[in-house]
Amino acid sequence: MSERPPRPLRKRFGQHFLTDDGIIDAIVDLVAAGPKDHVLEIGPGNGVLTAPLLASRCHLEAIEIDRDLAAWLTTRFAGAERFALHNLDVLKFDFGALASAPGGWKVVGNLPYNISTPLLMRLLEHAGYFRELTLMVQREVAERLAAAPGTAAYGRLGVMAQRRARIAMRLMVPPTSFEPPPKVESAVIQLYPLPGPYDAAFEHDFAEVVRLAFGARRKTLANALKRRLAAPALETLGIDPGSRAEMLSVDDFVRLTTAWRSR
């Protein structure tokens, strides 16, 4: 069967098919799937990652929103064992319904740029189900996710992601690696979920503290958080009231949240 999709790509789904064999092989190597692994593939497209993953004899489930591609993939991999395809929007997928897997699921996917941030946040909300995530995103997003405090790329997204996972940059991917080529560079990152459990109420307040702190980058922390944490309270935590959000570590935000909740 042809490996080309059955019709022109749909722009509303942000479809860009990976065609670079070197990058494909590198991603498969990063996932390192084997017969004992459960792998969840997001947006399989024309199956360039699906085929080698199935060859590893892992248990593979894939989520594809495009009904025509889903039908085409079902036909292409009709003889594959240990394979299930879900034809729906990944943002509506019930990750809680995933079967229990020893050590957790591995996730792999080329995330559509138009939903990459909300999808990443949703994946991290369910981080307890996953062992590792190997994801391709826009390079700018990858740099923000992995950024260290005090750098230009460090911000709200990085803090929220690093609260739930250790993040490593792995590959830079040029537009020429896709058909059609996107207008931006991409990057492959790996996320390793940190052990929980996480308290939902605390995480809600953590997100609010981070939002307020980064809401106006020119504001000092004392001004950004003055509704609940005055300058003396920040000093008690060992945090300079005159500093700005981009200088704080994730642990600093955890301490701020604990103090915030006590007020």
C-alpha atoms as a PDB file:
ATOM      1  CA  MET A   1       0.000   0.000   0.000  1.00  0.00           C
ATOM      2  CA  SER A   2       1.221   3.525  -0.774  1.00  0.00           C
ATOM      3  CA  GLU A   3       2.671   5.492   2.137  1.00  0.00           C
ATOM      4  CA  ARG A   4       1.241   8.713   0.730  1.00  0.00           C
ATOM      5  CA  PRO A   5      -1.986  10.071   2.251  1.00  0.00           C
ATOM      6  CA  PRO A   6      -5.194   9.510   0.322  1.00  0.00           C
ATOM      7  CA  ARG A   7      -5.840  13.205  -0.435  1.00  0.00           C
ATOM      8  CA  PRO A   8      -4.411  16.716   0.100  1.00  0.00           C
ATOM      9  CA  LEU A   9      -3.669  17.643   3.704  1.00  0.00           C
ATOM     10  CA  ARG A  10      -6.182  19.644   5.706  1.00  0.00           C
ATOM     11  CA  LYS A  11      -4.742  22.953   6.855  1.00  0.00           C
ATOM     12  CA  ARG A  12      -7.101  23.199   9.823  1.00  0.00           C
ATOM     13  CA  PHE A  13      -5.405  20.178  11.379  1.00  0.00           C
ATOM     14  CA  GLY A  14      -1.933  21.698  10.976  1.00  0.00           C
ATOM     15  CA  GLN A  15      -0.717  18.638   9.067  1.00  0.00           C
ATOM     16  CA  HIS A  16       2.950  18.464   8.076  1.00  0.00           C
ATOM     17  CA  PHE A  17       4.210  14.969   7.289  1.00  0.00           C
ATOM     18  CA  LEU A  18       7.705  14.061   8.428  1.00  0.00           C
ATOM     19  CA  THR A  19       9.730  12.792   5.453  1.00  0.00           C
ATOM     20  CA  ASP A  20      13.338  12.932   6.693  1.00  0.00           C
ATOM     21  CA  ASP A  21      14.473   9.326   7.227  1.00  0.00           C
ATOM     22  CA  GLY A  22      17.312  10.431   9.494  1.00  0.00           C
ATOM     23  CA  ILE A  23      14.961  12.297  11.834  1.00  0.00           C
ATOM     24  CA  ILE A  24      12.428   9.458  11.733  1.00  0.00           C
ATOM     25  CA  ASP A  25      15.114   6.947  12.727  1.00  0.00           C
ATOM     26  CA  ALA A  26      16.391   9.260  15.465  1.00  0.00           C
ATOM     27  CA  ILE A  27      12.918   9.625  16.994  1.00  0.00           C
ATOM     28  CA  VAL A  28      12.341   5.859  16.898  1.00  0.00           C
ATOM     29  CA  ASP A  29      15.703   5.391  18.626  1.00  0.00           C
ATOM     30  CA  LEU A  30      14.739   7.919  21.315  1.00  0.00           C
ATOM     31  CA  VAL A  31      11.474   6.096  22.016  1.00  0.00           C
ATOM     32  CA  ALA A  32      13.360   2.792  22.179  1.00  0.00           C
ATOM     33  CA  ALA A  33      10.167   0.747  22.216  1.00  0.00           C
ATOM     34  CA  GLY A  34      10.220  -2.978  22.820  1.00  0.00           C
ATOM     35  CA  PRO A  35       7.780  -5.884  23.248  1.00  0.00           C
ATOM     36  CA  LYS A  36       7.136  -5.011  26.902  1.00  0.00           C
ATOM     37  CA  ASP A  37       6.319  -1.354  26.221  1.00  0.00           C
ATOM     38  CA  HIS A  38       2.955   0.388  25.850  1.00  0.00           C
ATOM     39  CA  VAL A  39       3.263   3.341  23.442  1.00  0.00           C
ATOM     40  CA  LEU A  40       0.740   6.076  22.698  1.00  0.00           C
ATOM     41  CA  GLU A  41       1.274   7.865  19.371  1.00  0.00           C
ATOM     42  CA  ILE A  42      -0.356  11.251  18.861  1.00  0.00           C
ATOM     43  CA  GLY A  43      -1.119  12.213  15.260  1.00  0.00           C
ATOM     44  CA  PRO A  44       0.311   9.263  13.312  1.00  0.00           C
ATOM     45  CA  GLY A  45      -0.405  10.961   9.970  1.00  0.00           C
ATOM     46  CA  ASN A  46       0.826   8.636   7.238  1.00  0.00           C
ATOM     47  CA  GLY A  47       2.386   6.182   9.677  1.00  0.00           C
ATOM     48  CA  VAL A  48       6.095   6.871   9.227  1.00  0.00           C
ATOM     49  CA  LEU A  49       6.624   6.390  12.969  1.00  0.00           C
ATOM     50  CA  THR A  50       3.791   3.904  13.380  1.00  0.00           C
ATOM     51  CA  ALA A  51       5.414   1.320  11.084  1.00  0.00           C
ATOM     52  CA  PRO A  52       8.779   1.059  12.899  1.00  0.00           C
ATOM     53  CA  LEU A  53       7.072   1.226  16.290  1.00  0.00           C
ATOM     54  CA  LEU A  54       4.890  -1.732  15.361  1.00  0.00           C
ATOM     55  CA  ALA A  55       7.986  -3.525  14.083  1.00  0.00           C
ATOM     56  CA  SER A  56       9.351  -3.303  17.646  1.00  0.00           C
ATOM     57  CA  ARG A  57       6.331  -5.433  18.725  1.00  0.00           C
ATOM     58  CA  CYS A  58       5.269  -2.905  21.352  1.00  0.00           C
ATOM     59  CA  HIS A  59       1.626  -2.458  22.321  1.00  0.00           C
ATOM     60  CA  LEU A  60       0.711   0.652  20.291  1.00  0.00           C
ATOM     61  CA  GLU A  61      -2.327   2.897  20.445  1.00  0.00           C
ATOM     62  CA  ALA A  62      -2.637   5.910  18.151  1.00  0.00           C
ATOM     63  CA  ILE A  63      -4.886   8.974  18.133  1.00  0.00           C
ATOM     64  CA  GLU A  64      -5.749  10.545  14.761  1.00  0.00           C
ATOM     65  CA  ILE A  65      -8.343  13.295  14.334  1.00  0.00           C
ATOM     66  CA  ASP A  66      -8.595  13.088  10.534  1.00  0.00           C
ATOM     67  CA  ARG A  67     -11.253  10.491   9.690  1.00  0.00           C
ATOM     68  CA  ASP A  68      -9.888   9.849   6.182  1.00  0.00           C
ATOM     69  CA  LEU A  69      -6.372   9.273   7.490  1.00  0.00           C
ATOM     70  CA  ALA A  70      -7.727   7.131  10.307  1.00  0.00           C
ATOM     71  CA  ALA A  71      -9.515   4.902   7.789  1.00  0.00           C
ATOM     72  CA  TRP A  72      -6.407   4.772   5.613  1.00  0.00           C
ATOM     73  CA  LEU A  73      -4.178   3.866   8.578  1.00  0.00           C
ATOM     74  CA  THR A  74      -6.603   1.175   9.672  1.00  0.00           C
ATOM     75  CA  THR A  75      -6.326  -0.408   6.233  1.00  0.00           C
ATOM     76  CA  ARG A  76      -2.576   0.020   6.022  1.00  0.00           C
ATOM     77  CA  PHE A  77      -1.952  -1.669   9.368  1.00  0.00           C
ATOM     78  CA  ALA A  78      -4.859  -4.110   9.212  1.00  0.00           C
ATOM     79  CA  GLY A  79      -2.590  -7.088   9.876  1.00  0.00           C
ATOM     80  CA  ALA A  80      -0.701  -5.511  12.749  1.00  0.00           C
ATOM     81  CA  GLU A  81      -0.941  -7.135  16.145  1.00  0.00           C
ATOM     82  CA  ARG A  82      -1.234  -5.144  19.384  1.00  0.00           C
ATOM     83  CA  PHE A  83      -2.447  -2.014  17.567  1.00  0.00           C
ATOM     84  CA  ALA A  84      -5.484   0.187  18.263  1.00  0.00           C
ATOM     85  CA  LEU A  85      -6.464   3.414  16.524  1.00  0.00           C
ATOM     86  CA  HIS A  86      -8.674   6.119  18.054  1.00  0.00           C
ATOM     87  CA  ASN A  87     -10.292   8.504  15.570  1.00  0.00           C
ATOM     88  CA  LEU A  88     -10.931  11.633  17.638  1.00  0.00           C
ATOM     89  CA  ASP A  89      -9.521  14.959  18.764  1.00  0.00           C
ATOM     90  CA  VAL A  90      -6.628  14.283  21.150  1.00  0.00           C
ATOM     91  CA  LEU A  91      -7.796  17.182  23.339  1.00  0.00           C
ATOM     92  CA  LYS A  92     -10.947  15.145  24.004  1.00  0.00           C
ATOM     93  CA  PHE A  93      -9.167  11.840  24.579  1.00  0.00           C
ATOM     94  CA  ASP A  94      -9.702  10.294  28.011  1.00  0.00           C
ATOM     95  CA  PHE A  95      -6.157   9.542  29.133  1.00  0.00           C
ATOM     96  CA  GLY A  96      -7.591   8.135  32.334  1.00  0.00           C
ATOM     97  CA  ALA A  97      -9.069   5.297  30.281  1.00  0.00           C
ATOM     98  CA  LEU A  98      -5.667   3.995  29.220  1.00  0.00           C
ATOM     99  CA  ALA A  99      -5.012   0.470  30.377  1.00  0.00           C
ATOM    100  CA  SER A 100      -2.538   0.121  33.200  1.00  0.00           C
ATOM    101  CA  ALA A 101       0.986  -0.393  31.880  1.00  0.00           C
ATOM    102  CA  PRO A 102       3.971  -1.552  33.983  1.00  0.00           C
ATOM    103  CA  GLY A 103       6.145   1.506  34.480  1.00  0.00           C
ATOM    104  CA  GLY A 104       3.755   3.745  32.552  1.00  0.00           C
ATOM    105  CA  TRP A 105       3.140   4.550  28.888  1.00  0.00           C
ATOM    106  CA  LYS A 106       5.622   6.026  26.462  1.00  0.00           C
ATOM    107  CA  VAL A 107       4.161   8.864  24.386  1.00  0.00           C
ATOM    108  CA  VAL A 108       5.418   9.974  20.979  1.00  0.00           C
ATOM    109  CA  GLY A 109       4.058  12.466  18.515  1.00  0.00           C
ATOM    110  CA  ASN A 110       4.506  15.432  16.201  1.00  0.00           C
ATOM    111  CA  LEU A 111       2.162  17.869  17.951  1.00  0.00           C
ATOM    112  CA  PRO A 112       0.107  20.230  15.780  1.00  0.00           C
ATOM    113  CA  TYR A 113       1.514  23.699  16.426  1.00  0.00           C
ATOM    114  CA  ASN A 114      -1.933  25.241  16.863  1.00  0.00           C
ATOM    115  CA  ILE A 115      -2.712  23.082  19.927  1.00  0.00           C
ATOM    116  CA  SER A 116       0.755  22.209  21.233  1.00  0.00           C
ATOM    117  CA  THR A 117       0.599  24.269  24.430  1.00  0.00           C
ATOM    118  CA  PRO A 118      -2.872  23.195  25.657  1.00  0.00           C
ATOM    119  CA  LEU A 119      -2.096  19.607  24.679  1.00  0.00           C
ATOM    120  CA  LEU A 120       1.191  19.639  26.574  1.00  0.00           C
ATOM    121  CA  MET A 121      -0.549  20.986  29.659  1.00  0.00           C
ATOM    122  CA  ARG A 122      -3.215  18.303  29.393  1.00  0.00           C
ATOM    123  CA  LEU A 123      -0.613  15.575  29.017  1.00  0.00           C
ATOM    124  CA  LEU A 124       1.213  16.856  32.084  1.00  0.00           C
ATOM    125  CA  GLU A 125      -2.025  16.879  34.075  1.00  0.00           C
ATOM    126  CA  HIS A 126      -2.069  13.119  33.462  1.00  0.00           C
ATOM    127  CA  ALA A 127       1.680  12.677  33.933  1.00  0.00           C
ATOM    128  CA  GLY A 128       1.145   9.811  36.355  1.00  0.00           C
ATOM    129  CA  TYR A 129       0.172   7.568  33.432  1.00  0.00           C
ATOM    130  CA  PHE A 130       3.372   8.217  31.485  1.00  0.00           C
ATOM    131  CA  ARG A 131       6.965   7.057  31.765  1.00  0.00           C
ATOM    132  CA  GLU A 132       8.325   9.460  29.172  1.00  0.00           C
ATOM    133  CA  LEU A 133       7.106  11.653  26.334  1.00  0.00           C
ATOM    134  CA  THR A 134       9.030  12.151  23.091  1.00  0.00           C
ATOM    135  CA  LEU A 135       7.407  15.072  21.316  1.00  0.00           C
ATOM    136  CA  MET A 136       8.077  17.297  18.336  1.00  0.00           C
ATOM    137  CA  VAL A 137       6.993  20.903  18.800  1.00  0.00           C
ATOM    138  CA  GLN A 138       7.830  24.295  17.391  1.00  0.00           C
ATOM    139  CA  ARG A 139      11.431  25.141  18.305  1.00  0.00           C
ATOM    140  CA  GLU A 140      10.385  28.306  20.144  1.00  0.00           C
ATOM    141  CA  VAL A 141       7.998  26.287  22.313  1.00  0.00           C
ATOM    142  CA  ALA A 142      10.693  23.684  23.015  1.00  0.00           C
ATOM    143  CA  GLU A 143      13.125  26.388  24.109  1.00  0.00           C
ATOM    144  CA  ARG A 144      10.525  27.906  26.427  1.00  0.00           C
ATOM    145  CA  LEU A 145       9.745  24.506  27.939  1.00  0.00           C
ATOM    146  CA  ALA A 146      13.381  23.690  28.685  1.00  0.00           C
ATOM    147  CA  ALA A 147      14.550  27.217  29.635  1.00  0.00           C
ATOM    148  CA  ALA A 148      16.407  27.877  32.872  1.00  0.00           C
ATOM    149  CA  PRO A 149      15.619  30.740  35.281  1.00  0.00           C
ATOM    150  CA  GLY A 150      17.164  34.033  34.263  1.00  0.00           C
ATOM    151  CA  THR A 151      17.141  33.299  30.536  1.00  0.00           C
ATOM    152  CA  ALA A 152      15.079  35.151  27.932  1.00  0.00           C
ATOM    153  CA  ALA A 153      12.982  32.065  27.099  1.00  0.00           C
ATOM    154  CA  TYR A 154      12.055  31.292  30.715  1.00  0.00           C
ATOM    155  CA  GLY A 155       8.455  32.040  31.569  1.00  0.00           C
ATOM    156  CA  ARG A 156       5.079  30.751  32.634  1.00  0.00           C
ATOM    157  CA  LEU A 157       5.057  27.779  30.233  1.00  0.00           C
ATOM    158  CA  GLY A 158       8.467  26.557  31.390  1.00  0.00           C
ATOM    159  CA  VAL A 159       7.574  26.829  35.069  1.00  0.00           C
ATOM    160  CA  MET A 160       4.292  24.958  34.633  1.00  0.00           C
ATOM    161  CA  ALA A 161       5.935  22.191  32.591  1.00  0.00           C
ATOM    162  CA  GLN A 162       8.998  21.825  34.809  1.00  0.00           C
ATOM    163  CA  ARG A 163       6.744  21.534  37.844  1.00  0.00           C
ATOM    164  CA  ARG A 164       5.602  18.165  36.451  1.00  0.00           C
ATOM    165  CA  ALA A 165       8.518  16.878  34.373  1.00  0.00           C
ATOM    166  CA  ARG A 166      12.222  16.962  33.699  1.00  0.00           C
ATOM    167  CA  ILE A 167      12.699  18.241  30.153  1.00  0.00           C
ATOM    168  CA  ALA A 168      15.552  17.623  27.711  1.00  0.00           C
ATOM    169  CA  MET A 169      16.126  19.035  24.218  1.00  0.00           C
ATOM    170  CA  ARG A 170      17.096  16.242  21.816  1.00  0.00           C
ATOM    171  CA  LEU A 171      16.906  17.203  18.118  1.00  0.00           C
ATOM    172  CA  MET A 172      16.554  20.325  15.987  1.00  0.00           C
ATOM    173  CA  VAL A 173      14.423  19.692  12.920  1.00  0.00           C
ATOM    174  CA  PRO A 174      14.472  22.029   9.885  1.00  0.00           C
ATOM    175  CA  PRO A 175      11.356  22.808   7.812  1.00  0.00           C
ATOM    176  CA  THR A 176      12.812  20.782   4.929  1.00  0.00           C
ATOM    177  CA  SER A 177      12.218  17.616   6.953  1.00  0.00           C
ATOM    178  CA  PHE A 178       8.462  17.909   6.314  1.00  0.00           C
ATOM    179  CA  GLU A 179       6.021  17.869   3.448  1.00  0.00           C
ATOM    180  CA  PRO A 180       4.689  20.489   3.171  1.00  0.00           C
ATOM    181  CA  PRO A 181       7.448  22.380   5.025  1.00  0.00           C
ATOM    182  CA  PRO A 182       6.213  24.527   7.927  1.00  0.00           C
ATOM    183  CA  LYS A 183       7.286  28.149   8.223  1.00  0.00           C
ATOM    184  CA  VAL A 184       9.146  27.525  11.481  1.00  0.00           C
ATOM    185  CA  GLU A 185      11.858  25.242  12.823  1.00  0.00           C
ATOM    186  CA  SER A 186      10.884  22.331  15.026  1.00  0.00           C
ATOM    187  CA  ALA A 187      12.548  20.463  17.864  1.00  0.00           C
ATOM    188  CA  VAL A 188      12.195  17.084  19.522  1.00  0.00           C
ATOM    189  CA  ILE A 189      12.075  17.140  23.298  1.00  0.00           C
ATOM    190  CA  GLN A 190      11.752  14.422  25.893  1.00  0.00           C
ATOM    191  CA  LEU A 191       9.797  14.869  29.091  1.00  0.00           C
ATOM    192  CA  TYR A 192      10.260  12.596  32.102  1.00  0.00           C
ATOM    193  CA  PRO A 193       7.354  12.992  34.557  1.00  0.00           C
ATOM    194  CA  LEU A 194       8.365  13.663  38.147  1.00  0.00           C
ATOM    195  CA  PRO A 195       6.883  11.482  40.869  1.00  0.00           C
ATOM    196  CA  GLY A 196       3.615  12.654  42.440  1.00  0.00           C
ATOM    197  CA  PRO A 197       1.094  12.542  43.871  1.00  0.00           C
ATOM    198  CA  TYR A 198      -0.099  16.081  43.231  1.00  0.00           C
ATOM    199  CA  ASP A 199      -2.845  17.825  45.157  1.00  0.00           C
ATOM    200  CA  ALA A 200      -5.330  19.400  42.739  1.00  0.00           C
ATOM    201  CA  ALA A 201      -6.079  22.364  45.008  1.00  0.00           C
ATOM    202  CA  PHE A 202      -2.389  23.129  45.495  1.00  0.00           C
ATOM    203  CA  GLU A 203      -1.731  22.866  41.750  1.00  0.00           C
ATOM    204  CA  HIS A 204      -4.613  25.249  41.044  1.00  0.00           C
ATOM    205  CA  ASP A 205      -3.086  27.822  43.404  1.00  0.00           C
ATOM    206  CA  PHE A 206       0.396  27.167  42.008  1.00  0.00           C
ATOM    207  CA  ALA A 207      -0.897  28.004  38.521  1.00  0.00           C
ATOM    208  CA  GLU A 208      -2.524  31.194  39.845  1.00  0.00           C
ATOM    209  CA  VAL A 209       0.685  32.356  41.571  1.00  0.00           C
ATOM    210  CA  VAL A 210       2.680  31.703  38.404  1.00  0.00           C
ATOM    211  CA  ARG A 211       0.078  33.517  36.295  1.00  0.00           C
ATOM    212  CA  LEU A 212       0.144  36.585  38.519  1.00  0.00           C
ATOM    213  CA  ALA A 213       3.926  36.615  38.792  1.00  0.00           C
ATOM    214  CA  PHE A 214       4.417  36.528  35.032  1.00  0.00           C
ATOM    215  CA  GLY A 215       1.345  38.623  34.232  1.00  0.00           C
ATOM    216  CA  ALA A 216       3.384  41.808  34.006  1.00  0.00           C
ATOM    217  CA  ARG A 217       7.073  41.088  33.536  1.00  0.00           C
ATOM    218  CA  ARG A 218       8.095  44.627  34.436  1.00  0.00           C
ATOM    219  CA  LYS A 219       6.492  44.346  37.852  1.00  0.00           C
ATOM    220  CA  THR A 220       8.481  43.229  40.848  1.00  0.00           C
ATOM    221  CA  LEU A 221       7.222  40.210  42.744  1.00  0.00           C
ATOM    222  CA  ALA A 222       6.146  42.474  45.598  1.00  0.00           C
ATOM    223  CA  ASN A 223       3.840  44.364  43.238  1.00  0.00           C
ATOM    224  CA  ALA A 224       2.631  41.315  41.313  1.00  0.00           C
ATOM    225  CA  LEU A 225       1.688  39.339  44.446  1.00  0.00           C
ATOM    226  CA  LYS A 226       0.781  42.162  46.826  1.00  0.00           C
ATOM    227  CA  ARG A 227      -2.841  41.010  47.093  1.00  0.00           C
ATOM    228  CA  ARG A 228      -1.717  38.094  49.293  1.00  0.00           C
ATOM    229  CA  LEU A 229       2.049  38.310  49.837  1.00  0.00           C
ATOM    230  CA  ALA A 230       3.544  41.592  50.971  1.00  0.00           C
ATOM    231  CA  ALA A 231       7.270  42.328  50.802  1.00  0.00           C
ATOM    232  CA  PRO A 232       8.004  41.129  54.385  1.00  0.00           C
ATOM    233  CA  ALA A 233       6.428  37.754  53.624  1.00  0.00           C
ATOM    234  CA  LEU A 234       8.659  37.388  50.553  1.00  0.00           C
ATOM    235  CA  GLU A 235      11.723  38.284  52.591  1.00  0.00           C
ATOM    236  CA  THR A 236      10.787  35.609  55.138  1.00  0.00           C
ATOM    237  CA  LEU A 237      10.910  33.084  52.285  1.00  0.00           C
ATOM    238  CA  GLY A 238      14.366  34.311  51.293  1.00  0.00           C
ATOM    239  CA  ILE A 239      13.020  35.867  48.099  1.00  0.00           C
ATOM    240  CA  ASP A 240      13.964  39.431  47.152  1.00  0.00           C
ATOM    241  CA  PRO A 241      10.720  41.454  46.866  1.00  0.00           C
ATOM    242  CA  GLY A 242      12.388  43.520  44.160  1.00  0.00           C
ATOM    243  CA  SER A 243      13.136  40.531  41.943  1.00  0.00           C
ATOM    244  CA  ARG A 244      11.034  39.507  38.967  1.00  0.00           C
ATOM    245  CA  ALA A 245       9.346  36.230  38.138  1.00  0.00           C
ATOM    246  CA  GLU A 246      11.879  35.137  35.529  1.00  0.00           C
ATOM    247  CA  MET A 247      14.579  34.933  38.215  1.00  0.00           C
ATOM    248  CA  LEU A 248      12.745  32.349  40.349  1.00  0.00           C
ATOM    249  CA  SER A 249      13.127  28.579  40.195  1.00  0.00           C
ATOM    250  CA  VAL A 250      10.225  26.149  40.210  1.00  0.00           C
ATOM    251  CA  ASP A 251      11.006  25.372  43.852  1.00  0.00           C
ATOM    252  CA  ASP A 252      10.734  29.097  44.629  1.00  0.00           C
ATOM    253  CA  PHE A 253       7.241  29.101  43.123  1.00  0.00           C
ATOM    254  CA  VAL A 254       6.329  26.071  45.227  1.00  0.00           C
ATOM    255  CA  ARG A 255       7.393  27.944  48.366  1.00  0.00           C
ATOM    256  CA  LEU A 256       5.474  31.030  47.235  1.00  0.00           C
ATOM    257  CA  THR A 257       2.370  28.922  46.715  1.00  0.00           C
ATOM    258  CA  THR A 258       2.647  27.361  50.171  1.00  0.00           C
ATOM    259  CA  ALA A 259       2.872  30.834  51.711  1.00  0.00           C
ATOM    260  CA  TRP A 260       0.064  32.109  49.462  1.00  0.00           C
ATOM    261  CA  ARG A 261      -2.255  29.347  50.681  1.00  0.00           C
ATOM    262  CA  SER A 262      -1.540  30.175  54.319  1.00  0.00           C
ATOM    263  CA  ARG A 263      -2.757  33.771  53.993  1.00  0.00           C
END
